[in-house]
Amino acid sequence: MGIRTVRLDEETEKALEQIVTATGLSVSGAMKKGLLVLRNEVAREARRVPYDIYKELDLGRGGEAIAPATQTRRGVRAAIRRKLGR
């Protein structure tokens, strides 16, 4: 078992005191539990795919495109025609 010395700023020290008071855990127990929770959160974030992030952004349905990405040339031509009024 390793021994660590950690320096905490005032805000973090107050948060730790509140956690210890609210949970009844020791300082060591609160720190251990916090590390385990953070480890799980980091692992969960690592498993996210780009779609998960996009979904959280809530950008709506989209639909601004003139043509699907597979037909880019057609979309560019349509945009130019519209711009030039032809």
PDB file of N, CA and C in Angstrom:
ATOM      1  N   MET A   1       0.853  -1.167   0.000  1.00  0.00           N
ATOM      2  CA  MET A   1       0.000   0.000   0.000  1.00  0.00           C
ATOM      3  C   MET A   1       0.901   1.232   0.000  1.00  0.00           C
ATOM      4  N   GLY A   2       0.646   2.145  -0.927  1.00  0.00           N
ATOM      5  CA  GLY A   2       1.452   3.356  -1.033  1.00  0.00           C
ATOM      6  C   GLY A   2       0.933   4.464  -0.132  1.00  0.00           C
ATOM      7  N   ILE A   3       1.832   5.351   0.242  1.00  0.00           N
ATOM      8  CA  ILE A   3       1.469   6.524   1.028  1.00  0.00           C
ATOM      9  C   ILE A   3       1.696   7.746   0.151  1.00  0.00           C
ATOM     10  N   ARG A   4       0.719   8.624   0.104  1.00  0.00           N
ATOM     11  CA  ARG A   4       0.793   9.828  -0.715  1.00  0.00           C
ATOM     12  C   ARG A   4       0.596  11.053   0.160  1.00  0.00           C
ATOM     13  N   THR A   5       1.283  12.120  -0.182  1.00  0.00           N
ATOM     14  CA  THR A   5       1.056  13.414   0.444  1.00  0.00           C
ATOM     15  C   THR A   5       0.449  14.307  -0.617  1.00  0.00           C
ATOM     16  N   VAL A   6      -0.702  14.887  -0.313  1.00  0.00           N
ATOM     17  CA  VAL A   6      -1.427  15.692  -1.285  1.00  0.00           C
ATOM     18  C   VAL A   6      -1.686  17.071  -0.695  1.00  0.00           C
ATOM     19  N   ARG A   7      -1.439  18.103  -1.481  1.00  0.00           N
ATOM     20  CA  ARG A   7      -1.734  19.472  -1.047  1.00  0.00           C
ATOM     21  C   ARG A   7      -3.044  19.899  -1.694  1.00  0.00           C
ATOM     22  N   LEU A   8      -3.943  20.413  -0.878  1.00  0.00           N
ATOM     23  CA  LEU A   8      -5.241  20.848  -1.371  1.00  0.00           C
ATOM     24  C   LEU A   8      -5.397  22.345  -1.154  1.00  0.00           C
ATOM     25  N   ASP A   9      -5.991  23.023  -2.130  1.00  0.00           N
ATOM     26  CA  ASP A   9      -6.303  24.439  -1.925  1.00  0.00           C
ATOM     27  C   ASP A   9      -7.509  24.538  -0.992  1.00  0.00           C
ATOM     28  N   GLU A  10      -7.848  25.754  -0.584  1.00  0.00           N
ATOM     29  CA  GLU A  10      -8.927  25.936   0.398  1.00  0.00           C
ATOM     30  C   GLU A  10     -10.262  25.391  -0.098  1.00  0.00           C
ATOM     31  N   GLU A  11     -10.584  25.661  -1.353  1.00  0.00           N
ATOM     32  CA  GLU A  11     -11.863  25.204  -1.903  1.00  0.00           C
ATOM     33  C   GLU A  11     -11.961  23.679  -1.886  1.00  0.00           C
ATOM     34  N   THR A  12     -10.893  23.012  -2.284  1.00  0.00           N
ATOM     35  CA  THR A  12     -10.889  21.549  -2.315  1.00  0.00           C
ATOM     36  C   THR A  12     -10.926  20.984  -0.901  1.00  0.00           C
ATOM     37  N   GLU A  13     -10.227  21.624   0.013  1.00  0.00           N
ATOM     38  CA  GLU A  13     -10.234  21.190   1.416  1.00  0.00           C
ATOM     39  C   GLU A  13     -11.644  21.288   1.996  1.00  0.00           C
ATOM     40  N   LYS A  14     -12.349  22.380   1.683  1.00  0.00           N
ATOM     41  CA  LYS A  14     -13.734  22.537   2.157  1.00  0.00           C
ATOM     42  C   LYS A  14     -14.636  21.463   1.555  1.00  0.00           C
ATOM     43  N   ALA A  15     -14.449  21.195   0.269  1.00  0.00           N
ATOM     44  CA  ALA A  15     -15.252  20.157  -0.387  1.00  0.00           C
ATOM     45  C   ALA A  15     -15.013  18.806   0.269  1.00  0.00           C
ATOM     46  N   LEU A  16     -13.753  18.509   0.574  1.00  0.00           N
ATOM     47  CA  LEU A  16     -13.423  17.243   1.229  1.00  0.00           C
ATOM     48  C   LEU A  16     -14.066  17.166   2.608  1.00  0.00           C
ATOM     49  N   GLU A  17     -14.023  18.252   3.356  1.00  0.00           N
ATOM     50  CA  GLU A  17     -14.657  18.278   4.682  1.00  0.00           C
ATOM     51  C   GLU A  17     -16.156  18.035   4.567  1.00  0.00           C
ATOM     52  N   GLN A  18     -16.798  18.659   3.583  1.00  0.00           N
ATOM     53  CA  GLN A  18     -18.238  18.472   3.384  1.00  0.00           C
ATOM     54  C   GLN A  18     -18.561  17.024   3.035  1.00  0.00           C
ATOM     55  N   ILE A  19     -17.739  16.422   2.201  1.00  0.00           N
ATOM     56  CA  ILE A  19     -17.955  15.024   1.807  1.00  0.00           C
ATOM     57  C   ILE A  19     -17.809  14.108   3.009  1.00  0.00           C
ATOM     58  N   VAL A  20     -16.776  14.332   3.806  1.00  0.00           N
ATOM     59  CA  VAL A  20     -16.538  13.506   4.996  1.00  0.00           C
ATOM     60  C   VAL A  20     -17.704  13.647   5.966  1.00  0.00           C
ATOM     61  N   THR A  21     -18.178  14.871   6.172  1.00  0.00           N
ATOM     62  CA  THR A  21     -19.294  15.109   7.089  1.00  0.00           C
ATOM     63  C   THR A  21     -20.577  14.460   6.573  1.00  0.00           C
ATOM     64  N   ALA A  22     -20.844  14.619   5.286  1.00  0.00           N
ATOM     65  CA  ALA A  22     -22.090  14.109   4.710  1.00  0.00           C
ATOM     66  C   ALA A  22     -22.127  12.590   4.621  1.00  0.00           C
ATOM     67  N   THR A  23     -20.980  11.969   4.358  1.00  0.00           N
ATOM     68  CA  THR A  23     -20.968  10.521   4.127  1.00  0.00           C
ATOM     69  C   THR A  23     -20.539   9.711   5.336  1.00  0.00           C
ATOM     70  N   GLY A  24     -19.813  10.342   6.250  1.00  0.00           N
ATOM     71  CA  GLY A  24     -19.284   9.600   7.389  1.00  0.00           C
ATOM     72  C   GLY A  24     -18.026   8.825   7.049  1.00  0.00           C
ATOM     73  N   LEU A  25     -17.543   8.979   5.834  1.00  0.00           N
ATOM     74  CA  LEU A  25     -16.298   8.318   5.441  1.00  0.00           C
ATOM     75  C   LEU A  25     -15.115   9.038   6.075  1.00  0.00           C
ATOM     76  N   SER A  26     -14.010   8.334   6.196  1.00  0.00           N
ATOM     77  CA  SER A  26     -12.774   8.989   6.613  1.00  0.00           C
ATOM     78  C   SER A  26     -12.241   9.786   5.425  1.00  0.00           C
ATOM     79  N   VAL A  27     -11.265  10.649   5.682  1.00  0.00           N
ATOM     80  CA  VAL A  27     -10.648  11.400   4.589  1.00  0.00           C
ATOM     81  C   VAL A  27     -10.063  10.424   3.576  1.00  0.00           C
ATOM     82  N   SER A  28      -9.391   9.406   4.073  1.00  0.00           N
ATOM     83  CA  SER A  28      -8.795   8.403   3.197  1.00  0.00           C
ATOM     84  C   SER A  28      -9.872   7.682   2.383  1.00  0.00           C
ATOM     85  N   GLY A  29     -10.965   7.315   3.040  1.00  0.00           N
ATOM     86  CA  GLY A  29     -12.059   6.625   2.361  1.00  0.00           C
ATOM     87  C   GLY A  29     -12.701   7.486   1.289  1.00  0.00           C
ATOM     88  N   ALA A  30     -12.879   8.776   1.598  1.00  0.00           N
ATOM     89  CA  ALA A  30     -13.467   9.692   0.619  1.00  0.00           C
ATOM     90  C   ALA A  30     -12.553   9.849  -0.590  1.00  0.00           C
ATOM     91  N   MET A  31     -11.255   9.955  -0.336  1.00  0.00           N
ATOM     92  CA  MET A  31     -10.301  10.093  -1.444  1.00  0.00           C
ATOM     93  C   MET A  31     -10.300   8.833  -2.312  1.00  0.00           C
ATOM     94  N   LYS A  32     -10.307   7.659  -1.672  1.00  0.00           N
ATOM     95  CA  LYS A  32     -10.310   6.400  -2.425  1.00  0.00           C
ATOM     96  C   LYS A  32     -11.557   6.294  -3.301  1.00  0.00           C
ATOM     97  N   LYS A  33     -12.714   6.598  -2.683  1.00  0.00           N
ATOM     98  CA  LYS A  33     -13.961   6.497  -3.435  1.00  0.00           C
ATOM     99  C   LYS A  33     -13.966   7.491  -4.599  1.00  0.00           C
ATOM    100  N   GLY A  34     -13.473   8.692  -4.358  1.00  0.00           N
ATOM    101  CA  GLY A  34     -13.397   9.695  -5.418  1.00  0.00           C
ATOM    102  C   GLY A  34     -12.527   9.236  -6.574  1.00  0.00           C
ATOM    103  N   LEU A  35     -11.400   8.611  -6.256  1.00  0.00           N
ATOM    104  CA  LEU A  35     -10.513   8.110  -7.308  1.00  0.00           C
ATOM    105  C   LEU A  35     -11.176   7.001  -8.117  1.00  0.00           C
ATOM    106  N   LEU A  36     -11.900   6.120  -7.445  1.00  0.00           N
ATOM    107  CA  LEU A  36     -12.581   5.033  -8.154  1.00  0.00           C
ATOM    108  C   LEU A  36     -13.684   5.570  -9.067  1.00  0.00           C
ATOM    109  N   VAL A  37     -14.422   6.552  -8.567  1.00  0.00           N
ATOM    110  CA  VAL A  37     -15.479   7.158  -9.388  1.00  0.00           C
ATOM    111  C   VAL A  37     -14.872   7.835 -10.613  1.00  0.00           C
ATOM    112  N   LEU A  38     -13.781   8.563 -10.416  1.00  0.00           N
ATOM    113  CA  LEU A  38     -13.113   9.232 -11.536  1.00  0.00           C
ATOM    114  C   LEU A  38     -12.579   8.215 -12.539  1.00  0.00           C
ATOM    115  N   ARG A  39     -12.006   7.122 -12.040  1.00  0.00           N
ATOM    116  CA  ARG A  39     -11.501   6.079 -12.945  1.00  0.00           C
ATOM    117  C   ARG A  39     -12.621   5.544 -13.825  1.00  0.00           C
ATOM    118  N   ASN A  40     -13.790   5.279 -13.228  1.00  0.00           N
ATOM    119  CA  ASN A  40     -14.926   4.762 -13.999  1.00  0.00           C
ATOM    120  C   ASN A  40     -15.425   5.785 -15.015  1.00  0.00           C
ATOM    121  N   GLU A  41     -15.436   7.053 -14.625  1.00  0.00           N
ATOM    122  CA  GLU A  41     -15.875   8.110 -15.540  1.00  0.00           C
ATOM    123  C   GLU A  41     -14.923   8.234 -16.724  1.00  0.00           C
ATOM    124  N   VAL A  42     -13.632   8.158 -16.452  1.00  0.00           N
ATOM    125  CA  VAL A  42     -12.635   8.235 -17.528  1.00  0.00           C
ATOM    126  C   VAL A  42     -12.798   7.054 -18.483  1.00  0.00           C
ATOM    127  N   ALA A  43     -13.035   5.874 -17.936  1.00  0.00           N
ATOM    128  CA  ALA A  43     -13.222   4.686 -18.780  1.00  0.00           C
ATOM    129  C   ALA A  43     -14.478   4.825 -19.634  1.00  0.00           C
ATOM    130  N   ARG A  44     -15.538   5.372 -19.051  1.00  0.00           N
ATOM    131  CA  ARG A  44     -16.793   5.549 -19.797  1.00  0.00           C
ATOM    132  C   ARG A  44     -16.598   6.568 -20.920  1.00  0.00           C
ATOM    133  N   GLU A  45     -15.886   7.650 -20.656  1.00  0.00           N
ATOM    134  CA  GLU A  45     -15.626   8.661 -21.681  1.00  0.00           C
ATOM    135  C   GLU A  45     -14.796   8.077 -22.823  1.00  0.00           C
ATOM    136  N   ALA A  46     -13.875   7.184 -22.502  1.00  0.00           N
ATOM    137  CA  ALA A  46     -13.012   6.592 -23.527  1.00  0.00           C
ATOM    138  C   ALA A  46     -13.810   5.703 -24.480  1.00  0.00           C
ATOM    139  N   ARG A  47     -14.944   5.177 -24.020  1.00  0.00           N
ATOM    140  CA  ARG A  47     -15.760   4.288 -24.857  1.00  0.00           C
ATOM    141  C   ARG A  47     -16.749   5.049 -25.731  1.00  0.00           C
ATOM    142  N   ARG A  48     -16.827   6.346 -25.566  1.00  0.00           N
ATOM    143  CA  ARG A  48     -17.787   7.123 -26.349  1.00  0.00           C
ATOM    144  C   ARG A  48     -17.357   7.180 -27.813  1.00  0.00           C
ATOM    145  N   VAL A  49     -18.334   7.193 -28.661  1.00  0.00           N
ATOM    146  CA  VAL A  49     -18.075   7.338 -30.092  1.00  0.00           C
ATOM    147  C   VAL A  49     -18.490   8.755 -30.503  1.00  0.00           C
ATOM    148  N   PRO A  50     -18.021   9.239 -31.637  1.00  0.00           N
ATOM    149  CA  PRO A  50     -18.369  10.604 -32.057  1.00  0.00           C
ATOM    150  C   PRO A  50     -19.874  10.877 -32.063  1.00  0.00           C
ATOM    151  N   TYR A  51     -20.683   9.885 -32.400  1.00  0.00           N
ATOM    152  CA  TYR A  51     -22.133  10.106 -32.425  1.00  0.00           C
ATOM    153  C   TYR A  51     -22.654  10.480 -31.044  1.00  0.00           C
ATOM    154  N   ASP A  52     -22.104   9.874 -29.984  1.00  0.00           N
ATOM    155  CA  ASP A  52     -22.544  10.200 -28.626  1.00  0.00           C
ATOM    156  C   ASP A  52     -22.322  11.678 -28.327  1.00  0.00           C
ATOM    157  N   ILE A  53     -21.187  12.189 -28.739  1.00  0.00           N
ATOM    158  CA  ILE A  53     -20.873  13.600 -28.508  1.00  0.00           C
ATOM    159  C   ILE A  53     -21.805  14.479 -29.338  1.00  0.00           C
ATOM    160  N   TYR A  54     -22.013  14.118 -30.590  1.00  0.00           N
ATOM    161  CA  TYR A  54     -22.906  14.873 -31.470  1.00  0.00           C
ATOM    162  C   TYR A  54     -24.314  14.924 -30.890  1.00  0.00           C
ATOM    163  N   LYS A  55     -24.776  13.792 -30.365  1.00  0.00           N
ATOM    164  CA  LYS A  55     -26.114  13.710 -29.799  1.00  0.00           C
ATOM    165  C   LYS A  55     -26.254  14.662 -28.610  1.00  0.00           C
ATOM    166  N   GLU A  56     -25.211  14.782 -27.794  1.00  0.00           N
ATOM    167  CA  GLU A  56     -25.247  15.682 -26.642  1.00  0.00           C
ATOM    168  C   GLU A  56     -25.294  17.146 -27.062  1.00  0.00           C
ATOM    169  N   LEU A  57     -24.736  17.467 -28.216  1.00  0.00           N
ATOM    170  CA  LEU A  57     -24.731  18.854 -28.677  1.00  0.00           C
ATOM    171  C   LEU A  57     -26.129  19.332 -29.044  1.00  0.00           C
ATOM    172  N   ASP A  58     -27.024  18.418 -29.367  1.00  0.00           N
ATOM    173  CA  ASP A  58     -28.409  18.721 -29.706  1.00  0.00           C
ATOM    174  C   ASP A  58     -28.491  19.796 -30.784  1.00  0.00           C
ATOM    175  N   LEU A  59     -27.893  19.500 -31.916  1.00  0.00           N
ATOM    176  CA  LEU A  59     -27.876  20.452 -33.020  1.00  0.00           C
ATOM    177  C   LEU A  59     -29.133  20.372 -33.882  1.00  0.00           C
ATOM    178  N   GLY A  60     -30.034  19.515 -33.528  1.00  0.00           N
ATOM    179  CA  GLY A  60     -31.257  19.391 -34.307  1.00  0.00           C
ATOM    180  C   GLY A  60     -31.083  18.419 -35.457  1.00  0.00           C
ATOM    181  N   ARG A  61     -32.064  18.418 -36.343  1.00  0.00           N
ATOM    182  CA  ARG A  61     -32.074  17.457 -37.444  1.00  0.00           C
ATOM    183  C   ARG A  61     -31.122  17.829 -38.560  1.00  0.00           C
ATOM    184  N   GLY A  62     -30.785  19.072 -38.686  1.00  0.00           N
ATOM    185  CA  GLY A  62     -29.954  19.475 -39.819  1.00  0.00           C
ATOM    186  C   GLY A  62     -30.830  19.787 -41.004  1.00  0.00           C
ATOM    187  N   GLY A  63     -30.439  19.366 -42.187  1.00  0.00           N
ATOM    188  CA  GLY A  63     -31.261  19.585 -43.362  1.00  0.00           C
ATOM    189  C   GLY A  63     -30.905  20.837 -44.140  1.00  0.00           C
ATOM    190  N   GLU A  64     -29.785  21.443 -43.833  1.00  0.00           N
ATOM    191  CA  GLU A  64     -29.363  22.643 -44.552  1.00  0.00           C
ATOM    192  C   GLU A  64     -28.702  22.309 -45.885  1.00  0.00           C
ATOM    193  N   ALA A  65     -28.318  21.075 -46.075  1.00  0.00           N
ATOM    194  CA  ALA A  65     -27.596  20.688 -47.288  1.00  0.00           C
ATOM    195  C   ALA A  65     -28.524  20.700 -48.498  1.00  0.00           C
ATOM    196  N   ILE A  66     -27.971  21.091 -49.624  1.00  0.00           N
ATOM    197  CA  ILE A  66     -28.721  21.105 -50.884  1.00  0.00           C
ATOM    198  C   ILE A  66     -28.811  19.696 -51.455  1.00  0.00           C
ATOM    199  N   ALA A  67     -27.738  18.926 -51.259  1.00  0.00           N
ATOM    200  CA  ALA A  67     -27.671  17.565 -51.793  1.00  0.00           C
ATOM    201  C   ALA A  67     -26.932  16.694 -50.783  1.00  0.00           C
ATOM    202  N   PRO A  68     -27.155  15.386 -50.849  1.00  0.00           N
ATOM    203  CA  PRO A  68     -26.410  14.493 -49.958  1.00  0.00           C
ATOM    204  C   PRO A  68     -24.916  14.524 -50.276  1.00  0.00           C
ATOM    205  N   ALA A  69     -24.104  14.135 -49.329  1.00  0.00           N
ATOM    206  CA  ALA A  69     -22.648  14.169 -49.501  1.00  0.00           C
ATOM    207  C   ALA A  69     -22.196  13.320 -50.680  1.00  0.00           C
ATOM    208  N   THR A  70     -22.951  12.288 -51.009  1.00  0.00           N
ATOM    209  CA  THR A  70     -22.573  11.423 -52.132  1.00  0.00           C
ATOM    210  C   THR A  70     -22.786  12.113 -53.475  1.00  0.00           C
ATOM    211  N   GLN A  71     -23.533  13.222 -53.471  1.00  0.00           N
ATOM    212  CA  GLN A  71     -23.811  13.945 -54.719  1.00  0.00           C
ATOM    213  C   GLN A  71     -23.355  15.400 -54.601  1.00  0.00           C
ATOM    214  N   THR A  72     -22.135  15.585 -54.135  1.00  0.00           N
ATOM    215  CA  THR A  72     -21.592  16.922 -53.891  1.00  0.00           C
ATOM    216  C   THR A  72     -21.574  17.776 -55.151  1.00  0.00           C
ATOM    217  N   ARG A  73     -21.169  17.180 -56.270  1.00  0.00           N
ATOM    218  CA  ARG A  73     -21.092  17.955 -57.522  1.00  0.00           C
ATOM    219  C   ARG A  73     -22.447  18.554 -57.887  1.00  0.00           C
ATOM    220  N   ARG A  74     -23.488  17.751 -57.770  1.00  0.00           N
ATOM    221  CA  ARG A  74     -24.836  18.241 -58.080  1.00  0.00           C
ATOM    222  C   ARG A  74     -25.208  19.385 -57.150  1.00  0.00           C
ATOM    223  N   GLY A  75     -24.858  19.263 -55.882  1.00  0.00           N
ATOM    224  CA  GLY A  75     -25.164  20.311 -54.917  1.00  0.00           C
ATOM    225  C   GLY A  75     -24.422  21.602 -55.199  1.00  0.00           C
ATOM    226  N   VAL A  76     -23.159  21.484 -55.595  1.00  0.00           N
ATOM    227  CA  VAL A  76     -22.368  22.678 -55.926  1.00  0.00           C
ATOM    228  C   VAL A  76     -22.951  23.365 -57.155  1.00  0.00           C
ATOM    229  N   ARG A  77     -23.296  22.576 -58.164  1.00  0.00           N
ATOM    230  CA  ARG A  77     -23.896  23.161 -59.375  1.00  0.00           C
ATOM    231  C   ARG A  77     -25.195  23.897 -59.032  1.00  0.00           C
ATOM    232  N   ALA A  78     -26.019  23.270 -58.207  1.00  0.00           N
ATOM    233  CA  ALA A  78     -27.295  23.897 -57.826  1.00  0.00           C
ATOM    234  C   ALA A  78     -27.058  25.191 -57.053  1.00  0.00           C
ATOM    235  N   ALA A  79     -26.070  25.200 -56.184  1.00  0.00           N
ATOM    236  CA  ALA A  79     -25.769  26.408 -55.409  1.00  0.00           C
ATOM    237  C   ALA A  79     -25.280  27.528 -56.313  1.00  0.00           C
ATOM    238  N   ILE A  80     -24.442  27.190 -57.289  1.00  0.00           N
ATOM    239  CA  ILE A  80     -23.928  28.202 -58.221  1.00  0.00           C
ATOM    240  C   ILE A  80     -25.062  28.747 -59.085  1.00  0.00           C
ATOM    241  N   ARG A  81     -25.921  27.853 -59.584  1.00  0.00           N
ATOM    242  CA  ARG A  81     -27.065  28.295 -60.395  1.00  0.00           C
ATOM    243  C   ARG A  81     -27.959  29.240 -59.600  1.00  0.00           C
ATOM    244  N   ARG A  82     -28.201  28.882 -58.366  1.00  0.00           N
ATOM    245  CA  ARG A  82     -29.048  29.713 -57.519  1.00  0.00           C
ATOM    246  C   ARG A  82     -28.402  31.080 -57.285  1.00  0.00           C
ATOM    247  N   LYS A  83     -27.108  31.080 -57.060  1.00  0.00           N
ATOM    248  CA  LYS A  83     -26.394  32.332 -56.815  1.00  0.00           C
ATOM    249  C   LYS A  83     -26.394  33.222 -58.052  1.00  0.00           C
ATOM    250  N   LEU A  84     -26.195  32.617 -59.212  1.00  0.00           N
ATOM    251  CA  LEU A  84     -26.124  33.385 -60.452  1.00  0.00           C
ATOM    252  C   LEU A  84     -27.500  33.638 -61.067  1.00  0.00           C
ATOM    253  N   GLY A  85     -28.524  33.034 -60.515  1.00  0.00           N
ATOM    254  CA  GLY A  85     -29.887  33.254 -61.004  1.00  0.00           C
ATOM    255  C   GLY A  85     -30.188  32.583 -62.316  1.00  0.00           C
ATOM    256  N   ARG A  86     -29.567  31.477 -62.611  1.00  0.00           N
ATOM    257  CA  ARG A  86     -29.802  30.767 -63.873  1.00  0.00           C
ATOM    258  C   ARG A  86     -30.736  29.615 -63.674  1.00  0.00           C
TER     259      ARG A  86
END
